[in-house]
């Protein structure tokens, strides 16, 4: 099963597995990425609500950590996602 063995064997719903793989694919070597919910939804052809539920699933099971980012003018920006659960190769 390779790199994603742990998440494949988890009890997470399909939506969470797909979003995890998307975030993993876009993360840097430190496991960070910051796509917007809208971008994730559009690229995976999921609703924004489904993506939000998937992110909540992943946070609950400690696969990712989410941090709100802010613009200089004080407005919200996209979230920073950290991949916190990495399988070994």
N, C-alpha and C. Protein backbone atom coordinates (compact mmCIF):
# COMPACT_ATOMS: atom_id res chain seq x y z
N UNK A 1 0.80 -1.20 0.00
CA UNK A 1 0.00 0.00 0.00
C UNK A 1 0.85 1.26 0.00
N UNK A 2 2.07 1.18 0.39
CA UNK A 2 2.97 2.31 0.29
C UNK A 2 2.76 3.40 1.33
N UNK A 3 2.97 4.61 0.88
CA UNK A 3 3.04 5.77 1.77
C UNK A 3 1.77 6.01 2.58
N UNK A 4 0.63 5.79 2.02
CA UNK A 4 -0.64 6.13 2.67
C UNK A 4 -1.26 4.95 3.43
N UNK A 5 -0.47 3.96 3.78
CA UNK A 5 -0.98 2.76 4.43
C UNK A 5 -1.83 3.07 5.66
N UNK A 6 -1.36 3.96 6.51
CA UNK A 6 -2.08 4.27 7.75
C UNK A 6 -3.46 4.86 7.46
N UNK A 7 -3.54 5.80 6.56
CA UNK A 7 -4.83 6.44 6.28
C UNK A 7 -5.77 5.48 5.54
N UNK A 8 -5.19 4.62 4.68
CA UNK A 8 -6.04 3.62 4.01
C UNK A 8 -6.65 2.66 5.03
N UNK A 9 -5.90 2.34 6.07
CA UNK A 9 -6.36 1.40 7.09
C UNK A 9 -7.19 2.07 8.18
N UNK A 10 -7.30 3.37 8.14
CA UNK A 10 -8.06 4.09 9.16
C UNK A 10 -9.55 3.94 8.93
N UNK A 11 -10.32 4.42 9.88
CA UNK A 11 -11.77 4.40 9.78
C UNK A 11 -12.30 5.72 9.21
N UNK A 12 -11.41 6.54 8.66
CA UNK A 12 -11.83 7.83 8.11
C UNK A 12 -12.71 7.65 6.88
N UNK A 13 -13.67 8.54 6.69
CA UNK A 13 -14.50 8.46 5.48
C UNK A 13 -13.68 8.82 4.24
N UNK A 14 -14.18 8.38 3.11
CA UNK A 14 -13.50 8.61 1.84
C UNK A 14 -13.14 10.09 1.63
N UNK A 15 -14.06 10.98 1.99
CA UNK A 15 -13.80 12.42 1.79
C UNK A 15 -12.52 12.85 2.49
N UNK A 16 -12.28 12.32 3.69
CA UNK A 16 -11.10 12.70 4.46
C UNK A 16 -9.82 12.14 3.83
N UNK A 17 -9.90 10.92 3.34
CA UNK A 17 -8.74 10.31 2.69
C UNK A 17 -8.35 11.12 1.46
N UNK A 18 -9.31 11.50 0.65
CA UNK A 18 -9.04 12.26 -0.57
C UNK A 18 -8.45 13.64 -0.23
N UNK A 19 -9.02 14.32 0.75
CA UNK A 19 -8.52 15.64 1.13
C UNK A 19 -7.12 15.52 1.72
N UNK A 20 -6.87 14.49 2.54
CA UNK A 20 -5.53 14.28 3.09
C UNK A 20 -4.51 14.10 1.97
N UNK A 21 -4.83 13.27 0.98
CA UNK A 21 -3.91 13.02 -0.12
C UNK A 21 -3.66 14.32 -0.90
N UNK A 22 -4.70 15.12 -1.08
CA UNK A 22 -4.58 16.41 -1.76
C UNK A 22 -3.62 17.33 -0.98
N UNK A 23 -3.84 17.45 0.32
CA UNK A 23 -2.99 18.32 1.14
C UNK A 23 -1.55 17.81 1.18
N UNK A 24 -1.41 16.50 1.29
CA UNK A 24 -0.08 15.90 1.30
C UNK A 24 0.66 16.20 0.00
N UNK A 25 -0.04 16.08 -1.11
CA UNK A 25 0.55 16.32 -2.42
C UNK A 25 1.01 17.76 -2.58
N UNK A 26 0.34 18.69 -1.94
CA UNK A 26 0.66 20.11 -2.07
C UNK A 26 1.54 20.65 -0.96
N UNK A 27 1.89 19.82 0.01
CA UNK A 27 2.69 20.30 1.13
C UNK A 27 4.18 20.34 0.78
N UNK A 28 4.89 21.23 1.48
CA UNK A 28 6.33 21.32 1.29
C UNK A 28 7.01 20.24 2.13
N UNK A 29 8.34 20.25 2.16
CA UNK A 29 9.06 19.19 2.88
C UNK A 29 8.81 19.24 4.38
N UNK A 30 8.33 20.38 4.88
CA UNK A 30 7.99 20.50 6.30
C UNK A 30 6.54 20.12 6.58
N UNK A 31 5.80 19.76 5.55
CA UNK A 31 4.42 19.33 5.71
C UNK A 31 3.42 20.48 5.76
N UNK A 32 3.78 21.66 5.24
CA UNK A 32 2.90 22.82 5.27
C UNK A 32 2.34 23.12 3.88
N UNK A 33 1.08 23.56 3.85
CA UNK A 33 0.47 24.06 2.62
C UNK A 33 -0.71 24.95 3.00
N UNK A 34 -1.18 25.76 2.06
CA UNK A 34 -2.26 26.69 2.40
C UNK A 34 -3.27 26.91 1.28
N UNK A 35 -3.78 25.83 0.70
CA UNK A 35 -4.85 26.02 -0.28
C UNK A 35 -6.14 26.45 0.42
N UNK A 36 -6.94 27.24 -0.26
CA UNK A 36 -8.23 27.65 0.32
C UNK A 36 -9.22 26.49 0.24
N UNK A 37 -10.25 26.57 1.06
CA UNK A 37 -11.32 25.56 1.04
C UNK A 37 -11.93 25.52 -0.36
N UNK A 38 -12.15 26.70 -0.95
CA UNK A 38 -12.72 26.77 -2.29
C UNK A 38 -11.85 26.10 -3.34
N UNK A 39 -10.54 26.28 -3.24
CA UNK A 39 -9.62 25.65 -4.19
C UNK A 39 -9.65 24.13 -4.04
N UNK A 40 -9.60 23.67 -2.81
CA UNK A 40 -9.65 22.22 -2.56
C UNK A 40 -10.95 21.65 -3.13
N UNK A 41 -12.07 22.30 -2.83
CA UNK A 41 -13.37 21.84 -3.31
C UNK A 41 -13.42 21.80 -4.83
N UNK A 42 -12.95 22.86 -5.45
CA UNK A 42 -12.99 22.94 -6.92
C UNK A 42 -12.12 21.85 -7.55
N UNK A 43 -10.90 21.70 -7.07
CA UNK A 43 -9.98 20.75 -7.68
C UNK A 43 -10.37 19.29 -7.43
N UNK A 44 -11.02 19.03 -6.29
CA UNK A 44 -11.45 17.66 -5.99
C UNK A 44 -12.90 17.39 -6.40
N UNK A 45 -13.57 18.44 -6.91
CA UNK A 45 -14.98 18.32 -7.32
C UNK A 45 -15.86 17.86 -6.14
N UNK A 46 -15.63 18.53 -5.00
CA UNK A 46 -16.42 18.30 -3.80
C UNK A 46 -17.07 19.61 -3.40
N UNK A 47 -18.08 19.55 -2.57
CA UNK A 47 -18.66 20.79 -2.07
C UNK A 47 -17.76 21.36 -0.98
N UNK A 48 -17.89 22.65 -0.73
CA UNK A 48 -17.12 23.29 0.35
C UNK A 48 -17.47 22.65 1.70
N UNK A 49 -18.74 22.32 1.89
CA UNK A 49 -19.16 21.68 3.15
C UNK A 49 -18.49 20.33 3.34
N UNK A 50 -18.39 19.56 2.28
CA UNK A 50 -17.74 18.25 2.35
C UNK A 50 -16.27 18.41 2.69
N UNK A 51 -15.61 19.39 2.10
CA UNK A 51 -14.20 19.64 2.40
C UNK A 51 -14.04 20.04 3.86
N UNK A 52 -14.92 20.90 4.36
CA UNK A 52 -14.85 21.31 5.77
C UNK A 52 -15.04 20.12 6.70
N UNK A 53 -15.97 19.22 6.37
CA UNK A 53 -16.18 18.03 7.19
C UNK A 53 -14.94 17.12 7.14
N UNK A 54 -14.35 17.00 5.97
CA UNK A 54 -13.15 16.17 5.82
C UNK A 54 -12.00 16.73 6.66
N UNK A 55 -11.84 18.04 6.64
CA UNK A 55 -10.77 18.67 7.43
C UNK A 55 -11.02 18.44 8.91
N UNK A 56 -12.26 18.55 9.34
CA UNK A 56 -12.60 18.29 10.74
C UNK A 56 -12.28 16.84 11.11
N UNK A 57 -12.59 15.89 10.22
CA UNK A 57 -12.26 14.48 10.44
C UNK A 57 -10.76 14.30 10.61
N UNK A 58 -9.99 14.92 9.72
CA UNK A 58 -8.53 14.79 9.75
C UNK A 58 -7.92 15.43 10.99
N UNK A 59 -8.47 16.57 11.41
CA UNK A 59 -7.99 17.21 12.64
C UNK A 59 -8.30 16.34 13.86
N UNK A 60 -9.51 15.82 13.91
CA UNK A 60 -9.94 14.98 15.03
C UNK A 60 -9.03 13.77 15.21
N UNK A 61 -8.62 13.17 14.09
CA UNK A 61 -7.77 11.97 14.15
C UNK A 61 -6.28 12.30 14.06
N UNK A 62 -5.94 13.58 14.18
CA UNK A 62 -4.55 14.05 14.24
C UNK A 62 -3.73 13.78 12.97
N UNK A 63 -4.39 13.79 11.83
CA UNK A 63 -3.66 13.68 10.58
C UNK A 63 -3.17 15.03 10.09
N UNK A 64 -3.89 16.08 10.46
CA UNK A 64 -3.49 17.44 10.10
C UNK A 64 -3.75 18.38 11.28
N UNK A 65 -3.12 19.55 11.19
CA UNK A 65 -3.41 20.65 12.11
C UNK A 65 -3.69 21.86 11.25
N UNK A 66 -4.67 22.63 11.61
CA UNK A 66 -5.10 23.79 10.84
C UNK A 66 -4.85 25.05 11.66
N UNK A 67 -4.34 26.09 11.00
CA UNK A 67 -4.08 27.36 11.66
C UNK A 67 -4.61 28.48 10.77
N UNK A 68 -5.38 29.38 11.34
CA UNK A 68 -5.92 30.51 10.57
C UNK A 68 -4.79 31.47 10.22
N UNK A 69 -4.76 31.92 8.97
CA UNK A 69 -3.80 32.94 8.53
C UNK A 69 -4.56 34.25 8.37
N UNK A 70 -3.84 35.37 8.50
CA UNK A 70 -4.45 36.70 8.45
C UNK A 70 -3.74 37.58 7.45
N UNK A 71 -4.48 38.43 6.79
CA UNK A 71 -3.92 39.42 5.88
C UNK A 71 -3.40 40.60 6.70
N UNK A 72 -2.58 41.42 6.07
CA UNK A 72 -2.03 42.59 6.74
C UNK A 72 -3.12 43.54 7.22
N UNK A 73 -4.24 43.60 6.50
CA UNK A 73 -5.32 44.51 6.87
C UNK A 73 -6.23 43.93 7.95
N UNK A 74 -5.88 42.75 8.46
CA UNK A 74 -6.65 42.13 9.53
C UNK A 74 -7.70 41.14 9.07
N UNK A 75 -7.91 41.04 7.76
CA UNK A 75 -8.89 40.09 7.23
C UNK A 75 -8.36 38.67 7.21
N UNK A 76 -9.28 37.73 7.20
CA UNK A 76 -8.89 36.32 7.14
C UNK A 76 -8.31 35.97 5.78
N UNK A 77 -7.33 35.09 5.79
CA UNK A 77 -6.76 34.53 4.57
C UNK A 77 -7.01 33.03 4.61
N UNK A 78 -6.43 32.28 3.70
CA UNK A 78 -6.62 30.83 3.74
C UNK A 78 -5.94 30.24 4.97
N UNK A 79 -6.37 29.06 5.34
CA UNK A 79 -5.77 28.36 6.47
C UNK A 79 -4.40 27.81 6.09
N UNK A 80 -3.53 27.69 7.08
CA UNK A 80 -2.28 26.96 6.90
C UNK A 80 -2.56 25.56 7.42
N UNK A 81 -2.26 24.56 6.62
CA UNK A 81 -2.44 23.17 7.02
C UNK A 81 -1.08 22.54 7.25
N UNK A 82 -0.98 21.78 8.31
CA UNK A 82 0.24 21.05 8.64
C UNK A 82 -0.09 19.57 8.64
N UNK A 83 0.64 18.82 7.85
CA UNK A 83 0.50 17.36 7.86
C UNK A 83 1.22 16.88 9.12
N UNK A 84 0.48 16.31 10.06
CA UNK A 84 1.07 15.92 11.34
C UNK A 84 1.26 14.43 11.47
N UNK A 85 0.70 13.67 10.55
CA UNK A 85 0.81 12.22 10.60
C UNK A 85 1.46 11.77 9.30
N UNK A 86 2.67 11.27 9.40
CA UNK A 86 3.38 10.82 8.19
C UNK A 86 3.76 9.36 8.35
N UNK A 87 3.35 8.55 7.38
CA UNK A 87 3.77 7.15 7.35
C UNK A 87 5.20 7.10 6.85
N UNK A 88 5.92 6.06 7.24
CA UNK A 88 7.25 5.89 6.68
C UNK A 88 7.18 5.15 5.36
N UNK A 89 8.13 5.43 4.51
CA UNK A 89 8.18 4.78 3.19
C UNK A 89 8.69 3.37 3.33
